[in-house]
C-alpha atoms as a PDB file:
ATOM      1  CA  MET A   1     -29.903-159.756 124.932  1.00  0.00           C
ATOM      2  CA  ARG A   2     -32.691-158.487 127.149  1.00  0.00           C
ATOM      3  CA  THR A   3     -35.843-160.588 126.935  1.00  0.00           C
ATOM      4  CA  PHE A   4     -39.368-159.618 127.969  1.00  0.00           C
ATOM      5  CA  ASN A   5     -42.183-162.134 128.258  1.00  0.00           C
ATOM      6  CA  SER A   6     -44.834-159.751 126.903  1.00  0.00           C
ATOM      7  CA  LEU A   7     -45.640-156.148 126.061  1.00  0.00           C
ATOM      8  CA  ALA A   8     -47.036-155.722 129.581  1.00  0.00           C
ATOM      9  CA  ASP A   9     -43.579-156.354 131.035  1.00  0.00           C
ATOM     10  CA  LEU A  10     -42.180-153.222 129.357  1.00  0.00           C
ATOM     11  CA  GLY A  11     -44.032-150.825 131.675  1.00  0.00           C
ATOM     12  CA  SER A  12     -41.527-151.367 134.461  1.00  0.00           C
ATOM     13  CA  VAL A  13     -38.545-150.201 132.370  1.00  0.00           C
ATOM     14  CA  VAL A  14     -39.897-146.979 130.828  1.00  0.00           C
ATOM     15  CA  GLY A  15     -37.283-144.249 131.202  1.00  0.00           C
ATOM     16  CA  GLN A  16     -34.412-146.738 131.535  1.00  0.00           C
ATOM     17  CA  GLU A  17     -31.671-147.978 129.277  1.00  0.00           C
ATOM     18  CA  VAL A  18     -32.979-151.452 128.551  1.00  0.00           C
ATOM     19  CA  ALA A  19     -30.201-153.069 126.553  1.00  0.00           C
ATOM     20  CA  VAL A  20     -26.917-152.716 124.711  1.00  0.00           C
ATOM     21  CA  GLY A  21     -26.506-154.821 121.586  1.00  0.00           C
ATOM     22  CA  ASP A  22     -23.646-156.696 119.985  1.00  0.00           C
ATOM     23  CA  TRP A  23     -21.136-155.145 117.603  1.00  0.00           C
ATOM     24  CA  THR A  24     -21.925-155.180 113.867  1.00  0.00           C
ATOM     25  CA  ALA A  25     -19.190-154.722 111.260  1.00  0.00           C
ATOM     26  CA  ILE A  26     -19.431-152.119 108.516  1.00  0.00           C
ATOM     27  CA  ASP A  27     -17.317-153.258 105.581  1.00  0.00           C
ATOM     28  CA  GLN A  28     -16.928-151.886 102.069  1.00  0.00           C
ATOM     29  CA  ALA A  29     -19.088-154.627 100.565  1.00  0.00           C
ATOM     30  CA  ARG A  30     -22.038-153.600 102.775  1.00  0.00           C
ATOM     31  CA  VAL A  31     -21.543-149.939 101.851  1.00  0.00           C
ATOM     32  CA  ASN A  32     -21.398-150.797  98.141  1.00  0.00           C
ATOM     33  CA  LEU A  33     -24.563-152.904  98.335  1.00  0.00           C
ATOM     34  CA  PHE A  34     -26.370-150.037 100.068  1.00  0.00           C
ATOM     35  CA  ALA A  35     -25.154-147.632  97.373  1.00  0.00           C
ATOM     36  CA  ASP A  36     -26.532-149.956  94.696  1.00  0.00           C
ATOM     37  CA  ALA A  37     -29.852-150.378  96.515  1.00  0.00           C
ATOM     38  CA  THR A  38     -30.353-146.617  96.927  1.00  0.00           C
ATOM     39  CA  ASP A  39     -28.542-145.280  93.828  1.00  0.00           C
ATOM     40  CA  ASP A  40     -26.393-143.140  96.133  1.00  0.00           C
ATOM     41  CA  HIS A  41     -22.939-143.684  94.628  1.00  0.00           C
ATOM     42  CA  GLN A  42     -21.171-140.639  96.073  1.00  0.00           C
ATOM     43  CA  TRP A  43     -17.391-141.163  95.988  1.00  0.00           C
ATOM     44  CA  ILE A  44     -17.010-140.590  99.746  1.00  0.00           C
ATOM     45  CA  HIS A  45     -18.775-143.954 100.200  1.00  0.00           C
ATOM     46  CA  ILE A  46     -17.709-146.177  97.296  1.00  0.00           C
ATOM     47  CA  ASP A  47     -14.299-145.011  96.054  1.00  0.00           C
ATOM     48  CA  PRO A  48     -11.687-145.950  98.692  1.00  0.00           C
ATOM     49  CA  GLU A  49      -8.795-144.456  96.731  1.00  0.00           C
ATOM     50  CA  ARG A  50     -10.431-141.063  96.223  1.00  0.00           C
ATOM     51  CA  ALA A  51     -11.944-141.109  99.725  1.00  0.00           C
ATOM     52  CA  SER A  52      -8.472-141.663 101.209  1.00  0.00           C
ATOM     53  CA  LYS A  53      -7.679-138.100 100.099  1.00  0.00           C
ATOM     54  CA  GLY A  54     -11.016-136.745 101.345  1.00  0.00           C
ATOM     55  CA  PRO A  55     -12.048-135.176 104.638  1.00  0.00           C
ATOM     56  CA  PHE A  56     -12.335-138.479 106.551  1.00  0.00           C
ATOM     57  CA  GLY A  57      -9.176-140.199 105.312  1.00  0.00           C
ATOM     58  CA  GLY A  58     -11.143-143.070 103.802  1.00  0.00           C
ATOM     59  CA  PRO A  59     -14.636-144.136 102.788  1.00  0.00           C
ATOM     60  CA  ILE A  60     -17.521-143.723 105.211  1.00  0.00           C
ATOM     61  CA  ALA A  61     -20.914-145.416 105.427  1.00  0.00           C
ATOM     62  CA  HIS A  62     -24.004-143.564 104.306  1.00  0.00           C
ATOM     63  CA  GLY A  63     -25.931-141.999 107.177  1.00  0.00           C
ATOM     64  CA  PHE A  64     -29.035-143.778 105.972  1.00  0.00           C
ATOM     65  CA  LEU A  65     -27.166-147.095 105.925  1.00  0.00           C
ATOM     66  CA  THR A  66     -26.349-146.507 109.578  1.00  0.00           C
ATOM     67  CA  LEU A  67     -29.999-145.710 110.288  1.00  0.00           C
ATOM     68  CA  SER A  68     -31.235-148.719 108.310  1.00  0.00           C
ATOM     69  CA  LEU A  69     -29.317-151.014 110.663  1.00  0.00           C
ATOM     70  CA  LEU A  70     -31.543-149.938 113.540  1.00  0.00           C
ATOM     71  CA  PRO A  71     -34.000-152.894 113.272  1.00  0.00           C
ATOM     72  CA  HIS A  72     -31.090-155.361 113.145  1.00  0.00           C
ATOM     73  CA  LEU A  73     -29.347-153.760 116.108  1.00  0.00           C
ATOM     74  CA  MET A  74     -32.614-153.749 118.055  1.00  0.00           C
ATOM     75  CA  ALA A  75     -33.232-157.427 117.294  1.00  0.00           C
ATOM     76  CA  GLU A  76     -29.735-158.224 118.603  1.00  0.00           C
ATOM     77  CA  ALA A  77     -30.428-156.390 121.870  1.00  0.00           C
ATOM     78  CA  VAL A  78     -34.115-156.722 122.787  1.00  0.00           C
ATOM     79  CA  ARG A  79     -36.586-159.587 122.412  1.00  0.00           C
ATOM     80  CA  ILE A  80     -40.267-159.307 123.291  1.00  0.00           C
ATOM     81  CA  ASP A  81     -41.865-162.729 123.418  1.00  0.00           C
ATOM     82  CA  ASN A  82     -45.548-163.454 122.831  1.00  0.00           C
ATOM     83  CA  THR A  83     -45.970-160.854 120.121  1.00  0.00           C
ATOM     84  CA  VAL A  84     -47.319-161.697 116.678  1.00  0.00           C
ATOM     85  CA  LEU A  85     -46.565-158.537 114.706  1.00  0.00           C
ATOM     86  CA  SER A  86     -44.125-155.654 114.860  1.00  0.00           C
ATOM     87  CA  VAL A  87     -44.092-152.712 112.451  1.00  0.00           C
ATOM     88  CA  ASN A  88     -42.000-149.582 112.195  1.00  0.00           C
ATOM     89  CA  TYR A  89     -44.245-146.562 112.717  1.00  0.00           C
ATOM     90  CA  GLY A  90     -41.708-143.790 112.198  1.00  0.00           C
ATOM     91  CA  LEU A  91     -38.998-141.621 113.594  1.00  0.00           C
ATOM     92  CA  ASN A  92     -39.356-138.503 115.701  1.00  0.00           C
ATOM     93  CA  ARG A  93     -35.775-137.296 115.467  1.00  0.00           C
ATOM     94  CA  VAL A  94     -32.554-138.477 113.846  1.00  0.00           C
ATOM     95  CA  ARG A  95     -29.036-137.025 114.001  1.00  0.00           C
ATOM     96  CA  PHE A  96     -25.669-138.266 112.732  1.00  0.00           C
ATOM     97  CA  PRO A  97     -23.115-136.612 115.064  1.00  0.00           C
ATOM     98  CA  SER A  98     -20.070-138.388 113.620  1.00  0.00           C
ATOM     99  CA  PRO A  99     -19.133-140.463 110.560  1.00  0.00           C
ATOM    100  CA  VAL A 100     -18.836-144.237 110.296  1.00  0.00           C
ATOM    101  CA  PRO A 101     -15.529-145.112 108.625  1.00  0.00           C
ATOM    102  CA  VAL A 102     -15.574-148.338 106.618  1.00  0.00           C
ATOM    103  CA  GLY A 103     -14.063-151.029 108.838  1.00  0.00           C
ATOM    104  CA  SER A 104     -15.878-149.770 111.944  1.00  0.00           C
ATOM    105  CA  ARG A 105     -18.065-151.769 114.280  1.00  0.00           C
ATOM    106  CA  LEU A 106     -21.344-150.353 115.574  1.00  0.00           C
ATOM    107  CA  ARG A 107     -23.771-151.256 118.319  1.00  0.00           C
ATOM    108  CA  GLY A 108     -26.974-149.805 119.708  1.00  0.00           C
ATOM    109  CA  ARG A 109     -27.944-148.651 123.172  1.00  0.00           C
ATOM    110  CA  PHE A 110     -31.709-148.737 123.721  1.00  0.00           C
ATOM    111  CA  LYS A 111     -33.664-146.610 126.177  1.00  0.00           C
ATOM    112  CA  LEU A 112     -37.432-147.113 126.324  1.00  0.00           C
ATOM    113  CA  LEU A 113     -39.108-143.699 126.406  1.00  0.00           C
ATOM    114  CA  SER A 114     -42.772-144.697 126.374  1.00  0.00           C
ATOM    115  CA  VAL A 115     -45.289-147.510 126.007  1.00  0.00           C
ATOM    116  CA  GLU A 116     -48.770-146.444 124.882  1.00  0.00           C
ATOM    117  CA  PRO A 117     -51.705-148.841 124.484  1.00  0.00           C
ATOM    118  CA  LEU A 118     -53.239-149.253 121.012  1.00  0.00           C
ATOM    119  CA  PRO A 119     -56.577-150.640 119.865  1.00  0.00           C
ATOM    120  CA  PRO A 120     -56.406-154.371 119.093  1.00  0.00           C
ATOM    121  CA  GLN A 121     -55.421-155.606 115.640  1.00  0.00           C
ATOM    122  CA  MET A 122     -56.213-159.152 114.493  1.00  0.00           C
ATOM    123  CA  GLY A 123     -57.775-159.684 117.909  1.00  0.00           C
ATOM    124  CA  GLN A 124     -54.466-158.870 119.645  1.00  0.00           C
ATOM    125  CA  PRO A 125     -53.829-155.985 122.052  1.00  0.00           C
ATOM    126  CA  GLY A 126     -51.090-153.623 120.975  1.00  0.00           C
ATOM    127  CA  ALA A 127     -48.672-150.996 122.166  1.00  0.00           C
ATOM    128  CA  GLN A 128     -46.787-148.153 120.569  1.00  0.00           C
ATOM    129  CA  LEU A 129     -43.180-148.153 121.767  1.00  0.00           C
ATOM    130  CA  THR A 130     -40.918-145.124 121.569  1.00  0.00           C
ATOM    131  CA  TRP A 131     -37.207-145.813 121.937  1.00  0.00           C
ATOM    132  CA  GLU A 132     -34.191-143.557 122.135  1.00  0.00           C
ATOM    133  CA  VAL A 133     -31.403-145.316 120.261  1.00  0.00           C
ATOM    134  CA  THR A 134     -27.783-144.279 120.501  1.00  0.00           C
ATOM    135  CA  MET A 135     -25.604-145.998 117.939  1.00  0.00           C
ATOM    136  CA  GLU A 136     -21.962-145.999 118.928  1.00  0.00           C
ATOM    137  CA  ARG A 137     -18.777-146.803 117.067  1.00  0.00           C
ATOM    138  CA  GLU A 138     -16.228-149.012 118.768  1.00  0.00           C
ATOM    139  CA  GLY A 139     -13.332-146.902 120.068  1.00  0.00           C
ATOM    140  CA  SER A 140     -15.143-143.563 119.769  1.00  0.00           C
ATOM    141  CA  ASP A 141     -16.677-141.434 122.497  1.00  0.00           C
ATOM    142  CA  LYS A 142     -19.054-139.686 120.083  1.00  0.00           C
ATOM    143  CA  PRO A 143     -22.187-141.473 118.828  1.00  0.00           C
ATOM    144  CA  VAL A 144     -22.657-142.017 115.093  1.00  0.00           C
ATOM    145  CA  CYS A 145     -26.447-141.830 115.220  1.00  0.00           C
ATOM    146  CA  VAL A 146     -28.986-140.761 117.799  1.00  0.00           C
ATOM    147  CA  ALA A 147     -32.579-141.517 116.882  1.00  0.00           C
ATOM    148  CA  GLU A 148     -36.002-141.653 118.443  1.00  0.00           C
ATOM    149  CA  THR A 149     -37.841-144.514 116.805  1.00  0.00           C
ATOM    150  CA  VAL A 150     -41.480-145.507 117.117  1.00  0.00           C
ATOM    151  CA  SER A 151     -42.778-149.033 116.551  1.00  0.00           C
ATOM    152  CA  ARG A 152     -46.068-150.810 117.045  1.00  0.00           C
ATOM    153  CA  ARG A 153     -46.296-154.339 118.398  1.00  0.00           C
ATOM    154  CA  TYR A 154     -49.224-156.632 118.871  1.00  0.00           C
ATOM    155  CA  GLY A 155     -49.606-159.724 120.968  1.00  0.00           C
ATOM    156  CA  PRO A 156     -51.060-161.242 124.085  1.00  0.00           C
END
């Protein structure tokens, strides 16, 4: 885990890979829960028997499940102390270059692209952070998700 004392400390690492997170397991139970939460019950995700005869040889995680893990993967890799609020602001670009077979482990690689000052909120200075995130699957050379994510943080 890479720890920063404040938002001001991020300026020195713009343009650099800042951190690589821990591995997170993708099991069938997680995929099924995501299917229930989103009403996306496509057989390629939730029917292991049918999926075993499909194009990937077994069930795969939803692309949006993979993307939804981004905040968790970020929290496992980067900590910014002395902040009071963090919100997702959006995504600039997202691609899913390869599937995530159930039983895989994923982790994120985080490169800080920019830090832009924001007007204060709740009396706290803020910054808009743009990160390039490459989510990789253990044992694969090809990423499973590449995203540019934008967040806003506030704090001293």
